[in-house]
Protein backbone atom coordinates (compact mmCIF):
# COMPACT_ATOMS: atom_id res chain seq x y z
CA MET A 1 6.34 36.67 -17.25
CA SER A 2 7.74 40.34 -16.93
CA ALA A 3 10.10 39.84 -14.26
CA THR A 4 13.56 38.26 -14.69
CA ILE A 5 15.90 36.44 -12.57
CA GLU A 6 19.73 36.57 -12.80
CA PRO A 7 21.11 33.09 -13.42
CA SER A 8 23.37 33.26 -10.46
CA THR A 9 20.29 33.56 -8.06
CA GLN A 10 20.54 30.95 -5.23
CA VAL A 11 17.80 29.96 -2.98
CA ARG A 12 17.78 27.57 0.03
CA CYS A 13 14.82 24.88 -0.48
CA MET A 14 14.02 21.42 0.59
CA GLN A 15 12.57 18.96 -2.02
CA MET A 16 9.94 16.46 -0.46
CA ARG A 17 7.49 14.04 -1.63
CA GLY A 18 4.00 14.80 -0.21
CA GLY A 19 1.33 12.16 -0.55
CA THR A 20 1.44 11.16 -4.21
CA SER A 21 3.08 14.51 -5.28
CA LYS A 22 6.64 15.99 -5.05
CA GLY A 23 7.56 19.72 -4.75
CA LEU A 24 9.72 22.28 -3.65
CA TYR A 25 9.33 23.70 -0.25
CA PHE A 26 10.45 27.17 0.68
CA LEU A 27 10.44 29.65 3.81
CA ALA A 28 8.70 32.60 2.45
CA GLU A 29 11.80 34.84 3.67
CA ASP A 30 13.95 32.97 1.16
CA LEU A 31 12.02 34.04 -1.89
CA PRO A 32 11.65 37.45 -3.48
CA SER A 33 8.79 39.31 -1.87
CA ASP A 34 7.57 40.59 -5.32
CA PRO A 35 5.15 37.88 -6.63
CA ALA A 36 6.32 38.42 -10.37
CA GLU A 37 9.96 37.99 -9.27
CA ARG A 38 9.13 35.10 -7.08
CA ASP A 39 7.30 33.38 -10.03
CA ALA A 40 9.91 34.01 -12.50
CA LEU A 41 12.43 32.39 -9.93
CA LEU A 42 10.30 29.23 -9.49
CA LEU A 43 10.02 28.88 -13.28
CA ARG A 44 13.67 28.97 -13.66
CA LEU A 45 14.03 26.37 -10.77
CA MET A 46 11.61 24.01 -12.19
CA GLY A 47 12.94 24.36 -15.55
CA SER A 48 9.66 25.59 -17.23
CA PRO A 49 8.33 26.05 -19.87
CA ASP A 50 9.67 22.60 -21.30
CA PRO A 51 7.85 19.46 -21.54
CA ARG A 52 10.67 17.88 -20.04
CA GLN A 53 11.78 20.52 -17.58
CA ILE A 54 15.34 19.33 -18.31
CA ASP A 55 17.00 22.43 -16.97
CA GLY A 56 15.50 22.45 -13.60
CA LEU A 57 14.16 20.25 -10.76
CA GLY A 58 10.65 19.67 -11.95
CA GLY A 59 9.54 16.19 -12.92
CA ALA A 60 7.96 16.90 -16.08
CA HIS A 61 4.56 16.31 -14.90
CA PRO A 62 1.95 18.49 -12.90
CA LEU A 63 2.30 16.23 -10.04
CA THR A 64 5.86 16.82 -9.66
CA SER A 65 5.98 20.66 -10.52
CA LYS A 66 4.66 22.07 -7.27
CA VAL A 67 5.81 24.43 -4.59
CA ALA A 68 4.99 25.17 -0.96
CA VAL A 69 5.73 28.58 0.64
CA VAL A 70 5.96 28.45 4.41
CA SER A 71 6.22 31.15 7.15
CA ALA A 72 5.71 31.26 10.94
CA ARG A 73 2.62 32.87 12.52
CA SER A 74 2.57 34.79 15.85
CA ASP A 75 -0.04 32.22 17.09
CA GLY A 76 2.36 29.29 16.83
CA GLY A 77 1.00 27.93 13.56
CA VAL A 78 2.13 28.42 10.08
CA ASP A 79 1.04 29.86 6.90
CA TYR A 80 1.24 27.70 3.69
CA LEU A 81 0.74 29.02 0.12
CA PHE A 82 0.54 26.34 -2.48
CA LEU A 83 1.82 27.23 -6.03
CA GLN A 84 1.36 25.07 -9.23
CA VAL A 85 4.16 25.75 -11.48
CA SER A 86 3.00 24.87 -15.05
CA VAL A 87 5.35 22.46 -17.02
CA ASP A 88 5.05 23.42 -20.52
CA ARG A 89 3.75 27.15 -20.09
CA ALA A 90 5.38 30.19 -18.17
CA LEU A 91 2.65 30.21 -15.57
CA VAL A 92 2.39 29.75 -11.81
CA SER A 93 -0.99 29.66 -10.33
CA ASP A 94 -2.24 30.13 -6.74
CA GLN A 95 -5.84 29.41 -7.64
CA GLN A 96 -6.05 26.18 -5.81
CA ASN A 97 -4.94 24.34 -2.66
CA CYS A 98 -3.00 20.90 -2.69
CA GLY A 99 -3.65 18.45 -0.14
CA ASN A 100 -0.92 16.36 -1.08
CA ILE A 101 2.02 18.97 -0.84
CA LEU A 102 0.18 20.02 2.31
CA VAL A 103 1.17 16.64 3.89
CA GLY A 104 4.96 17.98 3.84
CA VAL A 105 4.19 20.99 5.41
CA GLY A 106 4.15 20.08 8.95
CA PRO A 107 7.63 18.20 8.72
CA PHE A 108 9.14 21.00 6.88
CA ALA A 109 8.08 23.59 9.52
CA VAL A 110 9.54 21.22 12.27
CA GLU A 111 12.66 20.70 10.39
CA ARG A 112 13.08 24.64 9.87
CA GLY A 113 12.37 25.25 13.37
CA LEU A 114 9.11 27.15 12.95
CA VAL A 115 7.26 24.82 15.40
CA PRO A 116 9.22 23.32 18.25
CA ALA A 117 9.36 19.63 18.00
CA GLN A 118 8.03 17.49 20.80
CA ASP A 119 9.10 13.87 21.86
CA GLY A 120 6.63 11.48 20.13
CA THR A 121 4.25 13.42 17.77
CA THR A 122 4.19 17.13 17.08
CA GLU A 123 0.92 19.00 16.27
CA VAL A 124 1.26 21.73 13.46
CA THR A 125 -1.65 24.11 12.89
CA ILE A 126 -1.44 25.09 9.00
CA HIS A 127 -3.39 27.82 7.61
CA MET A 128 -4.04 27.36 3.88
CA ILE A 129 -3.57 30.81 2.29
CA ASN A 130 -4.85 29.76 -1.28
CA THR A 131 -8.23 28.95 0.59
CA GLY A 132 -8.36 30.21 4.15
CA SER A 133 -9.00 26.48 5.41
CA VAL A 134 -6.97 25.35 8.36
CA ALA A 135 -5.35 22.11 8.88
CA ARG A 136 -3.91 20.28 11.92
CA ALA A 137 -0.98 17.80 11.17
CA LEU A 138 0.20 15.31 13.49
CA VAL A 139 3.91 14.81 12.79
CA THR A 140 6.00 11.73 13.81
CA THR A 141 9.01 13.37 16.09
CA PRO A 142 10.60 10.44 18.24
CA GLY A 143 13.15 12.31 20.44
CA GLY A 144 12.19 15.60 19.14
CA ARG A 145 13.36 14.87 15.62
CA VAL A 146 11.13 14.33 12.40
CA SER A 147 11.04 10.81 11.37
CA TYR A 148 10.08 9.81 8.01
CA ALA A 149 10.48 5.98 8.65
CA GLY A 150 7.34 3.86 9.33
CA ASP A 151 5.11 1.19 8.07
CA THR A 152 1.94 3.37 6.73
CA GLU A 153 1.71 2.67 3.04
CA ILE A 154 -0.30 4.84 0.53
CA ALA A 155 -1.21 3.81 -2.91
CA GLY A 156 0.80 5.31 -5.59
CA VAL A 157 3.88 5.48 -3.54
CA PRO A 158 6.35 2.70 -3.42
CA GLY A 159 7.30 1.33 0.13
CA SER A 160 6.26 2.82 3.51
CA ALA A 161 6.65 5.69 5.67
CA ALA A 162 5.74 7.53 8.81
CA PRO A 163 2.27 8.59 8.98
CA VAL A 164 0.95 12.06 8.81
CA VAL A 165 -2.35 12.47 10.45
CA LEU A 166 -4.20 15.49 9.24
CA ASP A 167 -7.75 16.81 9.96
CA TYR A 168 -9.21 19.75 7.85
CA ARG A 169 -11.39 22.61 9.04
CA GLY A 170 -13.01 25.15 6.88
CA THR A 171 -12.82 23.21 3.83
CA ALA A 172 -16.43 23.39 2.59
CA GLY A 173 -17.09 26.17 0.29
CA SER A 174 -13.30 27.30 0.54
CA SER A 175 -12.76 28.32 -3.06
CA CYS A 176 -16.21 29.02 -4.35
CA GLY A 177 -18.00 30.32 -1.36
CA ALA A 178 -20.37 27.37 -1.02
CA LEU A 179 -20.08 23.57 -0.44
CA PHE A 180 -22.49 23.27 -3.61
CA PRO A 181 -21.75 26.65 -5.43
CA THR A 182 -24.21 26.39 -8.13
CA GLY A 183 -26.97 25.89 -5.54
CA ASN A 184 -27.92 22.70 -6.97
CA LEU A 185 -27.18 19.05 -6.28
CA SER A 186 -26.84 18.29 -9.97
CA ASP A 187 -26.72 20.57 -13.14
CA THR A 188 -26.51 19.99 -16.84
CA LEU A 189 -23.39 21.41 -18.37
CA ALA A 190 -22.35 20.95 -22.00
CA GLY A 191 -25.36 18.34 -22.24
CA VAL A 192 -24.01 16.12 -19.44
CA GLU A 193 -25.26 15.68 -15.94
CA VAL A 194 -22.79 16.85 -13.11
CA THR A 195 -22.40 17.86 -9.63
CA CYS A 196 -20.14 20.84 -8.83
CA VAL A 197 -18.63 20.63 -5.32
CA ASP A 198 -16.15 22.49 -3.13
CA ASN A 199 -15.03 20.75 -0.07
CA GLY A 200 -11.38 22.00 -0.31
CA MET A 201 -11.22 21.79 -4.01
CA PRO A 202 -13.54 22.98 -6.67
CA VAL A 203 -14.64 19.68 -8.54
CA VAL A 204 -17.10 18.66 -11.07
CA VAL A 205 -18.26 15.17 -10.65
CA VAL A 206 -19.35 13.31 -13.61
CA ARG A 207 -20.43 9.64 -13.92
CA ALA A 208 -17.83 7.93 -16.34
CA ALA A 209 -20.53 6.15 -18.24
CA ASP A 210 -22.07 9.57 -19.05
CA LEU A 211 -19.11 10.33 -21.11
CA GLY A 212 -19.00 6.81 -22.86
CA VAL A 213 -16.01 5.26 -20.71
CA ASP A 214 -15.85 2.67 -18.30
CA GLY A 215 -13.91 4.61 -15.79
CA THR A 216 -11.05 2.14 -15.15
CA GLU A 217 -8.89 3.09 -18.09
CA GLU A 218 -5.25 3.85 -17.52
CA PRO A 219 -4.77 7.66 -17.48
CA ALA A 220 -2.54 7.50 -20.66
CA ALA A 221 -5.49 6.01 -22.61
CA LEU A 222 -7.86 8.72 -21.39
CA GLU A 223 -5.64 11.50 -22.42
CA ALA A 224 -5.17 10.16 -25.74
CA ASP A 225 -8.82 10.07 -26.35
CA ALA A 226 -9.28 13.50 -27.90
CA GLN A 227 -13.14 13.37 -28.09
CA LEU A 228 -13.41 12.42 -24.31
CA CYS A 229 -10.94 15.22 -23.45
CA ALA A 230 -12.78 17.81 -25.46
CA ALA A 231 -15.88 16.78 -23.63
CA VAL A 232 -14.24 16.99 -20.24
CA GLU A 233 -12.80 20.72 -20.98
CA ALA A 234 -16.31 21.74 -22.39
CA ILE A 235 -17.92 20.76 -18.98
CA ARG A 236 -14.96 22.46 -17.10
CA LEU A 237 -15.37 25.80 -18.94
CA GLU A 238 -18.92 25.94 -18.18
CA ALA A 239 -18.44 24.70 -14.60
CA GLY A 240 -16.11 27.62 -14.02
CA ALA A 241 -18.70 30.09 -14.89
CA VAL A 242 -21.54 28.44 -12.88
CA MET A 243 -19.26 27.80 -9.90
CA GLY A 244 -18.17 31.46 -9.45
CA LEU A 245 -14.71 31.02 -10.84
CA GLY A 246 -15.04 33.08 -13.96
CA ASP A 247 -12.99 31.96 -17.12
CA VAL A 248 -11.10 29.01 -16.19
CA THR A 249 -9.44 28.52 -19.57
CA ASP A 250 -5.94 29.12 -18.21
CA ALA A 251 -6.75 28.01 -14.65
CA THR A 252 -6.14 24.79 -12.81
CA VAL A 253 -9.46 24.53 -11.35
CA PRO A 254 -11.94 23.34 -11.41
CA LYS A 255 -10.92 19.61 -11.76
CA VAL A 256 -13.21 17.13 -13.52
CA CYS A 257 -13.70 13.78 -11.48
CA LEU A 258 -15.12 10.71 -13.48
CA VAL A 259 -16.94 8.48 -10.76
CA SER A 260 -17.85 4.73 -11.53
CA PRO A 261 -18.61 1.67 -9.20
CA ALA A 262 -15.95 0.47 -6.84
CA ARG A 263 -13.88 -2.48 -8.37
CA ASP A 264 -11.70 -3.27 -5.31
CA GLY A 265 -13.80 -2.98 -1.98
CA GLY A 266 -13.84 0.87 -2.06
CA ALA A 267 -16.67 3.27 -2.05
CA PHE A 268 -16.32 4.41 -5.63
CA ASN A 269 -13.75 4.52 -8.15
CA THR A 270 -12.29 7.77 -9.83
CA ARG A 271 -10.40 9.35 -12.66
CA CYS A 272 -9.53 12.88 -12.16
CA PHE A 273 -8.54 15.39 -14.76
CA ILE A 274 -6.08 18.06 -13.30
CA PRO A 275 -7.15 19.67 -15.61
CA LYS A 276 -5.50 18.34 -18.80
CA ARG A 277 -3.73 15.42 -17.55
CA VAL A 278 -5.29 12.61 -15.64
CA HIS A 279 -4.04 12.21 -11.94
CA GLU A 280 -2.12 8.93 -11.47
CA ALA A 281 -3.76 8.81 -8.09
CA ILE A 282 -6.28 11.60 -6.84
CA GLY A 283 -5.83 14.54 -4.89
CA VAL A 284 -6.62 14.77 -1.43
CA PHE A 285 -9.06 17.49 -1.67
CA ALA A 286 -10.41 16.48 -4.78
CA ALA A 287 -11.15 13.09 -3.13
CA ALA A 288 -12.57 14.79 -0.08
CA SER A 289 -14.94 16.93 -2.53
CA ALA A 290 -16.01 13.81 -4.41
CA ALA A 291 -16.68 11.95 -1.03
CA VAL A 292 -19.22 14.70 -0.21
CA ALA A 293 -20.92 14.22 -3.48
CA TRP A 294 -20.92 10.52 -2.71
CA GLN A 295 -22.67 10.92 0.77
CA VAL A 296 -25.32 13.42 -0.23
CA PRO A 297 -28.36 12.11 -1.82
CA GLY A 298 -29.34 13.75 -5.02
CA THR A 299 -25.90 14.08 -6.58
CA VAL A 300 -24.73 12.20 -9.56
CA ALA A 301 -22.20 10.16 -7.38
CA SER A 302 -25.26 9.22 -5.24
CA ALA A 303 -26.67 7.50 -7.84
CA LEU A 304 -23.79 4.67 -7.82
CA SER A 305 -24.42 1.58 -5.82
CA GLY A 306 -22.79 1.33 -2.25
CA ASP A 307 -22.98 2.30 1.13
CA HIS A 308 -23.36 6.30 0.98
CA THR A 309 -23.64 6.41 4.78
CA THR A 310 -20.06 5.47 5.84
CA ARG A 311 -17.68 8.07 7.25
CA ASP A 312 -14.72 5.82 6.43
CA LEU A 313 -14.23 6.18 2.78
CA ARG A 314 -11.80 4.46 0.33
CA VAL A 315 -11.65 6.22 -3.03
CA GLU A 316 -10.21 4.08 -5.56
CA HIS A 317 -7.97 5.58 -8.26
CA PRO A 318 -5.57 4.51 -11.13
CA THR A 319 -2.97 3.45 -8.61
CA GLY A 320 -5.01 2.02 -5.76
CA HIS A 321 -6.89 4.03 -3.20
CA THR A 322 -6.93 6.94 -0.87
CA ASP A 323 -8.32 6.43 2.69
CA LEU A 324 -10.44 9.43 3.99
CA VAL A 325 -12.63 10.07 6.90
CA VAL A 326 -15.56 12.41 5.64
CA GLU A 327 -18.89 13.07 7.64
CA THR A 328 -21.74 15.05 6.48
CA ALA A 329 -24.98 15.92 8.41
CA ALA A 330 -27.60 13.79 7.10
CA GLU A 331 -30.14 16.03 8.52
CA SER A 332 -29.17 18.91 6.32
CA ALA A 333 -28.97 16.88 3.17
CA ALA A 334 -32.55 15.61 3.79
CA GLY A 335 -33.84 19.17 3.72
CA GLY A 336 -32.40 20.25 0.44
CA VAL A 337 -28.98 21.44 -0.54
CA PRO A 338 -26.72 21.55 2.32
CA GLY A 339 -24.77 24.45 3.41
CA ASP A 340 -20.98 24.52 4.47
CA ASP A 341 -21.89 23.37 8.05
CA ALA A 342 -23.12 20.09 6.64
CA VAL A 343 -19.47 18.97 6.31
CA LEU A 344 -18.68 17.54 9.92
CA VAL A 345 -15.56 15.78 9.50
CA THR A 346 -12.78 15.68 6.83
CA GLY A 347 -9.40 13.81 7.61
CA SER A 348 -6.75 11.84 6.06
CA VAL A 349 -3.59 9.80 6.90
CA ARG A 350 -0.69 10.36 4.39
CA THR A 351 2.92 10.02 4.28
CA ALA A 352 5.76 12.22 3.31
CA ARG A 353 9.52 11.80 2.80
CA LYS A 354 12.42 14.37 2.45
CA LEU A 355 14.30 13.83 -0.58
CA MET A 356 16.80 16.76 -0.58
CA ASP A 357 17.78 19.77 1.54
CA GLY A 358 20.17 22.49 0.16
CA VAL A 359 20.73 25.34 -2.15
CA ALA A 360 18.81 25.55 -5.58
CA PHE A 361 20.15 27.61 -8.37
CA GLY A 362 17.94 29.80 -10.50
């Protein structure tokens, strides 16, 4: 990172939990306009590179080292740029979206006055700069103020909070240019049958059994399996090329999602590499991409047992499940490889909570 930031730099920010992630939320106007200067500041604020992020606000894990940059639009909505701040490298990436940090963007936009609060619920239209997709968030605002208290529970987060209802538009092919970017429903990469899919997140879906694991192992156990991690990375590197992402050696996408039969009443079970660590849950858009693979005949996920026609999907993960509404056009799938218009609905119900609002020191 060539740019430097003076240690006395101060910047207004809000720390929020969004879904099963945690990050820093900024108004774009409060950050340096030069990307190199901005990234240098974010690395200092997070305490990267350092495995413990001891000198910053990061939580020593990719899921807690994330940033949202938000600005108002002339049409009444907001722009949202997601930045992944590496924990142990001096790297800030804008190559992916994040559906969990997205959950906090609506409440943040209302808190900062970018969108006027209504009495009851406030609708916030969010334009995702990373992928060009659009989300509509319904934020709980009784009396015209954001409320984070409620009885909605999501797996991987203790307690309950107010719901944030989200529906997504334009997610199909948003990063790779096509819902199935290789033009196939299945490919063989690094000797393993996979499905490459992009419904908001470039994901390589692999049956866990094809990599010699059960798919119910704890994330730490999977991360400690050097042979498995090498196999996953080999698949990911080949996938980057065929998905149109180029050399992904230093990129955070595509993710590799291991799928296996559901164990607790869901549609299917997952273990998601993000890309080196294993997610303690699953990202919203990774789940949405895997869900499309689940619904479309001919993919590796469609070979798993279960009801592949349901639009209300419970995606199991290491700490519980994520509930989604995903609907694809069966007639498109029946005619071959479906196009982007085959995704009719993608939505979720998540929660967010404001943790801190103040001034951070770079």
